[in-house]
Amino acid sequence: MKWQNSRRSSNIEDRQSSSFSNVGSTRGSAMALLPIIKFLLGSSIGRVILGIGVVAYFMGYNPLVLLDMTNSHQVSNQTLNHTRPNINNEQTQFVSAVLAQTEDVWSTIFAKHNAKYKEPKLVLFKNKVNSGCGFASSQTGPFYCPADQKVYLDTSFFDALASRHNAPGDFAQGYVIAHEVGHHIQKLTGTLDKVQRKKQTLSKTKQNALQVKVELQADCYAGIWANYLQNKGNILEDGDINEALRAASAIGDDTLQKQARGYVVPDSFTHGSAAQRQAWFKRGLKYGTVASCNTF
């Protein structure tokens, strides 16, 4: 995919340098806390303050900041890292370019329906992150949080996609991002809220089946993104579509279950089979319309 000359989105929130991976990086400075700890233990109020410091440490924050023992320059840099992407990081640039592509296609589609597209933020993190939907680790994989309307991504997932799932390629990575943005479309159109209400009346098996429809629709919406790039010209390269299809197959429920335990339990599917995921991506790619993506 020829993305290098594409515009970049301003909706990237970079937490990669201030995520949980940084917990413990100030151990050397922690020695300065020992006299203060002894002092705080001497009173009930001090013990409360100490407790807050401990909680802050395990949440990934430097307790020294609470005592103003680190310089303001370091703190300001941490704040900037939450909002400004690392422009020298090629992976970050790629994610920003794909997000911009989704903004362009969905803004166009919403405008055709006399509506304004509300662009989501995409949060880059490493290891663990605190989202509006709670704490999550990299093992969760990329996800969309309806509560804060943000997409969360640890780009190490792309390495796993290539090495563990044998689905390499930039277009495979773009498909993953476009799929998560698809969930944002479902939030804006009310689909996610309707599904959540419906789930409360269903058994676990039927809840899973309903969730599969949600995921397949997001795959179809990712296909709409691919359709947009295909029609725009000078972006797609030979093999790009096959990269996305290979990724869709690699993360199908049946594929993952066979790899993990050697057999498949369809009633436990939450994202759809490899064939289903490919089929709905192809449908979005072929028609390029929201109406063609009705999985319900």
Protein backbone atom coordinates (compact mmCIF):
# COMPACT_ATOMS: atom_id res chain seq x y z
CA MET A 1 0.00 0.00 0.00
CA LYS A 2 1.35 3.38 -1.01
CA TRP A 3 0.59 5.36 2.13
CA GLN A 4 3.73 7.48 2.53
CA ASN A 5 2.35 10.48 0.66
CA SER A 6 -1.06 10.33 2.34
CA ARG A 7 -2.11 12.96 4.82
CA ARG A 8 -1.76 12.23 8.54
CA SER A 9 -4.56 12.30 11.08
CA SER A 10 -4.38 14.70 14.02
CA ASN A 11 -6.41 12.26 16.13
CA ILE A 12 -3.49 10.13 17.35
CA GLU A 13 -2.97 10.03 21.12
CA ASP A 14 0.49 8.63 21.81
CA ARG A 15 0.90 6.95 25.20
CA GLN A 16 3.69 4.62 24.15
CA SER A 17 6.37 6.29 26.23
CA SER A 18 4.22 6.77 29.33
CA SER A 19 2.40 3.44 29.53
CA PHE A 20 2.75 0.74 32.13
CA SER A 21 6.04 -0.30 30.56
CA ASN A 22 7.59 2.68 32.32
CA VAL A 23 6.55 1.56 35.77
CA GLY A 24 9.65 1.15 37.87
CA SER A 25 11.86 3.31 35.66
CA THR A 26 12.42 5.68 38.58
CA ARG A 27 13.68 3.10 41.05
CA GLY A 28 16.93 4.97 41.50
CA SER A 29 15.09 8.08 42.58
CA ALA A 30 12.87 6.05 44.89
CA MET A 31 15.68 5.91 47.47
CA ALA A 32 14.93 9.55 48.16
CA LEU A 33 11.53 8.52 49.43
CA LEU A 34 12.80 6.45 52.38
CA PRO A 35 13.06 9.32 54.91
CA ILE A 36 9.70 10.65 53.79
CA ILE A 37 8.08 7.22 54.12
CA LYS A 38 9.30 6.94 57.71
CA PHE A 39 7.88 10.36 58.45
CA LEU A 40 4.51 9.61 56.84
CA LEU A 41 4.13 6.36 58.75
CA GLY A 42 4.13 8.36 61.97
CA SER A 43 0.62 9.78 61.48
CA SER A 44 -2.78 8.68 60.17
CA ILE A 45 -2.84 11.44 57.55
CA GLY A 46 0.67 10.48 56.50
CA ARG A 47 -0.35 6.89 56.04
CA VAL A 48 -3.23 8.01 53.79
CA ILE A 49 -0.81 10.04 51.68
CA LEU A 50 1.55 7.08 51.54
CA GLY A 51 -1.31 4.84 50.40
CA ILE A 52 -2.13 7.25 47.58
CA GLY A 53 1.51 7.16 46.51
CA VAL A 54 1.53 3.36 46.43
CA VAL A 55 -1.66 3.26 44.35
CA ALA A 56 -0.22 5.84 41.97
CA TYR A 57 2.94 3.75 41.54
CA PHE A 58 1.05 0.61 40.56
CA MET A 59 -1.13 2.61 38.17
CA GLY A 60 1.99 3.61 36.29
CA TYR A 61 2.64 7.05 37.73
CA ASN A 62 5.78 8.31 39.43
CA PRO A 63 4.91 9.04 43.09
CA LEU A 64 7.82 11.49 43.19
CA VAL A 65 5.75 13.76 40.96
CA LEU A 66 3.16 13.99 43.73
CA LEU A 67 5.84 15.43 45.98
CA ASP A 68 7.19 17.73 43.26
CA MET A 69 10.54 15.91 43.42
CA THR A 70 10.89 15.64 39.63
CA ASN A 71 11.48 18.64 37.44
CA SER A 72 8.60 20.25 35.56
CA HIS A 73 10.32 19.65 32.22
CA GLN A 74 9.99 15.89 32.64
CA VAL A 75 6.34 16.18 33.62
CA SER A 76 5.55 18.42 30.66
CA ASN A 77 7.22 15.94 28.31
CA GLN A 78 5.07 13.12 29.69
CA THR A 79 1.97 15.22 29.10
CA LEU A 80 3.00 15.96 25.53
CA ASN A 81 3.57 12.27 24.89
CA HIS A 82 -0.09 11.67 25.65
CA THR A 83 -1.19 13.94 22.82
CA ARG A 84 1.53 14.23 20.20
CA PRO A 85 2.57 11.20 18.14
CA ASN A 86 6.24 10.45 17.59
CA ILE A 87 6.68 11.86 14.09
CA ASN A 88 9.96 10.02 13.64
CA ASN A 89 8.40 6.61 14.18
CA GLU A 90 7.41 5.00 10.86
CA GLN A 91 4.86 2.70 12.50
CA THR A 92 3.15 5.68 14.11
CA GLN A 93 3.16 7.51 10.79
CA PHE A 94 1.54 4.51 9.11
CA VAL A 95 -1.21 4.27 11.73
CA SER A 96 -1.84 8.01 11.40
CA ALA A 97 -2.10 7.71 7.61
CA VAL A 98 -4.59 4.82 7.76
CA LEU A 99 -6.68 6.62 10.38
CA ALA A 100 -6.77 9.65 8.06
CA GLN A 101 -8.00 7.41 5.24
CA THR A 102 -10.87 6.17 7.40
CA GLU A 103 -11.70 9.77 8.31
CA ASP A 104 -11.90 10.70 4.64
CA VAL A 105 -14.11 7.80 3.60
CA TRP A 106 -16.53 8.03 6.52
CA SER A 107 -16.75 11.82 6.36
CA THR A 108 -17.77 11.44 2.72
CA ILE A 109 -20.36 8.77 3.49
CA PHE A 110 -21.87 10.68 6.42
CA ALA A 111 -22.03 13.86 4.31
CA LYS A 112 -24.08 11.99 1.69
CA HIS A 113 -26.62 11.36 4.45
CA ASN A 114 -26.56 15.00 5.58
CA ALA A 115 -24.65 14.12 8.75
CA LYS A 116 -21.26 15.12 10.16
CA TYR A 117 -18.80 12.40 11.00
CA LYS A 118 -17.38 12.55 14.52
CA GLU A 119 -13.80 11.33 14.21
CA PRO A 120 -12.51 8.93 16.88
CA LYS A 121 -9.18 9.21 18.67
CA LEU A 122 -6.69 6.38 18.27
CA VAL A 123 -4.56 5.70 21.34
CA LEU A 124 -1.16 4.09 20.86
CA PHE A 125 0.17 2.28 23.94
CA LYS A 126 2.62 -0.36 25.06
CA ASN A 127 1.94 -3.29 27.36
CA LYS A 128 -1.09 -1.95 29.26
CA VAL A 129 -3.48 0.96 29.08
CA ASN A 130 -6.27 2.58 31.06
CA SER A 131 -9.27 3.22 28.82
CA GLY A 132 -12.80 4.43 29.36
CA CYS A 133 -13.75 0.75 29.41
CA GLY A 134 -11.20 -0.14 32.11
CA PHE A 135 -7.67 -1.47 32.14
CA ALA A 136 -6.48 -3.62 29.24
CA SER A 137 -3.24 -5.31 28.27
CA SER A 138 -1.62 -5.92 24.91
CA GLN A 139 -2.92 -9.48 25.06
CA THR A 140 -6.43 -8.08 24.58
CA GLY A 141 -5.46 -7.03 21.08
CA PRO A 142 -6.68 -3.85 19.36
CA PHE A 143 -10.07 -2.74 20.65
CA TYR A 144 -12.65 0.01 20.48
CA CYS A 145 -14.07 1.52 23.66
CA PRO A 146 -17.62 2.90 23.21
CA ALA A 147 -17.43 4.73 26.55
CA ASP A 148 -14.77 7.19 25.39
CA GLN A 149 -15.13 6.52 21.63
CA LYS A 150 -11.45 5.73 21.18
CA VAL A 151 -9.56 2.97 19.38
CA TYR A 152 -6.72 1.42 21.40
CA LEU A 153 -3.73 -0.18 19.71
CA ASP A 154 -0.43 -1.64 20.80
CA THR A 155 1.43 -1.92 17.50
CA SER A 156 3.22 -5.04 18.76
CA PHE A 157 0.00 -6.77 17.66
CA PHE A 158 1.17 -6.25 14.09
CA ASP A 159 4.31 -8.25 14.84
CA ALA A 160 2.16 -11.07 16.25
CA LEU A 161 -0.11 -10.87 13.22
CA ALA A 162 2.88 -11.49 10.96
CA SER A 163 4.85 -14.01 13.02
CA ARG A 164 2.24 -15.94 14.97
CA HIS A 165 -0.68 -15.73 12.54
CA ASN A 166 1.27 -15.66 9.28
CA ALA A 167 -0.54 -12.53 8.08
CA PRO A 168 2.14 -9.93 7.34
CA GLY A 169 1.81 -6.76 5.30
CA ASP A 170 0.81 -3.15 5.75
CA PHE A 171 -2.63 -3.69 4.26
CA ALA A 172 -3.31 -6.44 6.79
CA GLN A 173 -2.45 -3.91 9.48
CA GLY A 174 -4.67 -1.31 7.86
CA TYR A 175 -7.55 -3.79 7.83
CA VAL A 176 -7.21 -4.19 11.61
CA ILE A 177 -7.40 -0.43 12.15
CA ALA A 178 -10.32 -0.03 9.73
CA HIS A 179 -12.17 -2.85 11.54
CA GLU A 180 -11.86 -1.07 14.89
CA VAL A 181 -13.00 2.20 13.31
CA GLY A 182 -15.95 0.17 12.04
CA HIS A 183 -17.02 -0.30 15.65
CA HIS A 184 -16.93 3.48 16.03
CA ILE A 185 -19.36 3.73 13.11
CA GLN A 186 -21.60 1.26 14.94
CA LYS A 187 -21.46 3.47 18.01
CA LEU A 188 -22.37 6.59 16.06
CA THR A 189 -25.27 4.87 14.28
CA GLY A 190 -26.66 3.39 17.49
CA THR A 191 -25.93 -0.25 16.63
CA LEU A 192 -23.69 -0.93 19.64
CA ASP A 193 -26.22 0.49 22.10
CA LYS A 194 -29.04 -1.58 20.59
CA VAL A 195 -26.95 -4.74 20.72
CA GLN A 196 -25.97 -4.12 24.33
CA ARG A 197 -29.61 -3.75 25.35
CA LYS A 198 -30.58 -6.86 23.41
CA LYS A 199 -27.82 -8.94 25.00
CA GLN A 200 -29.34 -8.41 28.43
CA THR A 201 -32.32 -10.56 27.43
CA LEU A 202 -30.37 -13.40 25.82
CA SER A 203 -28.54 -16.54 26.87
CA LYS A 204 -24.75 -16.66 26.62
CA THR A 205 -24.86 -18.65 23.36
CA LYS A 206 -27.24 -16.15 21.76
CA GLN A 207 -25.17 -13.25 23.06
CA ASN A 208 -22.15 -14.73 21.29
CA ALA A 209 -24.12 -15.13 18.06
CA LEU A 210 -25.22 -11.50 18.25
CA GLN A 211 -21.66 -10.35 18.90
CA VAL A 212 -20.52 -12.24 15.81
CA LYS A 213 -22.91 -10.11 13.75
CA VAL A 214 -21.36 -6.99 15.28
CA GLU A 215 -17.86 -8.10 14.37
CA LEU A 216 -18.78 -9.18 10.85
CA GLN A 217 -20.38 -5.81 10.20
CA ALA A 218 -17.14 -4.14 11.34
CA ASP A 219 -15.30 -6.37 8.84
CA CYS A 220 -17.69 -5.20 6.13
CA TYR A 221 -17.05 -1.58 7.12
CA ALA A 222 -13.32 -2.31 6.79
CA GLY A 223 -14.15 -3.50 3.28
CA ILE A 224 -15.72 -0.10 2.58
CA TRP A 225 -12.39 1.50 3.52
CA ALA A 226 -10.65 -0.84 1.05
CA ASN A 227 -13.24 0.03 -1.61
CA TYR A 228 -12.47 3.71 -1.12
CA LEU A 229 -8.74 3.16 -1.57
CA GLN A 230 -9.34 0.95 -4.59
CA ASN A 231 -11.44 3.61 -6.32
CA LYS A 232 -9.10 6.42 -5.39
CA GLY A 233 -6.26 4.85 -7.34
CA ASN A 234 -2.46 4.91 -6.90
CA ILE A 235 -2.67 3.56 -3.36
CA LEU A 236 -3.28 -0.18 -3.54
CA GLU A 237 -0.54 -2.49 -4.73
CA ASP A 238 -0.63 -6.06 -6.00
CA GLY A 239 -1.35 -8.39 -3.13
CA ASP A 240 -2.85 -5.81 -0.77
CA ILE A 241 -6.37 -7.24 -0.80
CA ASN A 242 -4.99 -10.73 -0.27
CA GLU A 243 -3.10 -9.45 2.78
CA ALA A 244 -6.35 -8.27 4.34
CA LEU A 245 -8.13 -11.51 3.49
CA ARG A 246 -5.29 -13.54 4.95
CA ALA A 247 -5.50 -11.50 8.15
CA ALA A 248 -9.29 -11.95 8.32
CA SER A 249 -8.82 -15.69 8.00
CA ALA A 250 -5.98 -15.82 10.53
CA ILE A 251 -8.06 -14.19 13.27
CA GLY A 252 -11.27 -16.10 12.55
CA ASP A 253 -12.63 -17.87 15.62
CA ASP A 254 -12.30 -21.33 14.08
CA THR A 255 -8.69 -20.71 13.08
CA LEU A 256 -7.74 -19.45 16.53
CA GLN A 257 -9.58 -22.26 18.33
CA LYS A 258 -7.94 -24.94 16.20
CA GLN A 259 -4.54 -23.46 16.97
CA ALA A 260 -5.24 -23.19 20.69
CA ARG A 261 -6.99 -26.49 21.46
CA GLY A 262 -7.22 -28.49 18.27
CA TYR A 263 -10.99 -28.35 17.86
CA VAL A 264 -13.75 -25.82 17.23
CA VAL A 265 -16.76 -24.81 19.36
CA PRO A 266 -19.06 -22.69 17.13
CA ASP A 267 -21.36 -21.69 19.99
CA SER A 268 -18.43 -19.88 21.59
CA PHE A 269 -17.61 -17.82 18.50
CA THR A 270 -17.61 -14.06 19.15
CA HIS A 271 -16.02 -12.73 15.94
CA GLY A 272 -17.01 -15.18 13.22
CA SER A 273 -15.29 -17.92 11.30
CA ALA A 274 -12.46 -17.29 8.86
CA ALA A 275 -14.82 -17.78 5.91
CA GLN A 276 -17.41 -15.40 7.37
CA ARG A 277 -14.89 -12.68 8.07
CA GLN A 278 -13.47 -12.89 4.58
CA ALA A 279 -16.92 -12.93 2.99
CA TRP A 280 -18.11 -9.78 4.76
CA PHE A 281 -14.88 -7.92 4.06
CA LYS A 282 -15.30 -8.83 0.38
CA ARG A 283 -18.88 -7.59 0.46
CA GLY A 284 -17.86 -4.17 1.75
CA LEU A 285 -15.06 -4.07 -0.80
CA LYS A 286 -17.42 -4.92 -3.65
CA TYR A 287 -20.31 -2.57 -2.89
CA GLY A 288 -18.76 0.14 -0.73
CA THR A 289 -22.05 1.06 0.95
CA VAL A 290 -23.34 0.93 4.51
CA ALA A 291 -26.56 -0.70 3.26
CA SER A 292 -24.57 -3.67 1.96
CA CYS A 293 -23.20 -4.34 5.47
CA ASN A 294 -26.41 -5.33 7.26
CA THR A 295 -25.38 -8.49 9.10
CA PHE A 296 -28.42 -8.46 11.39
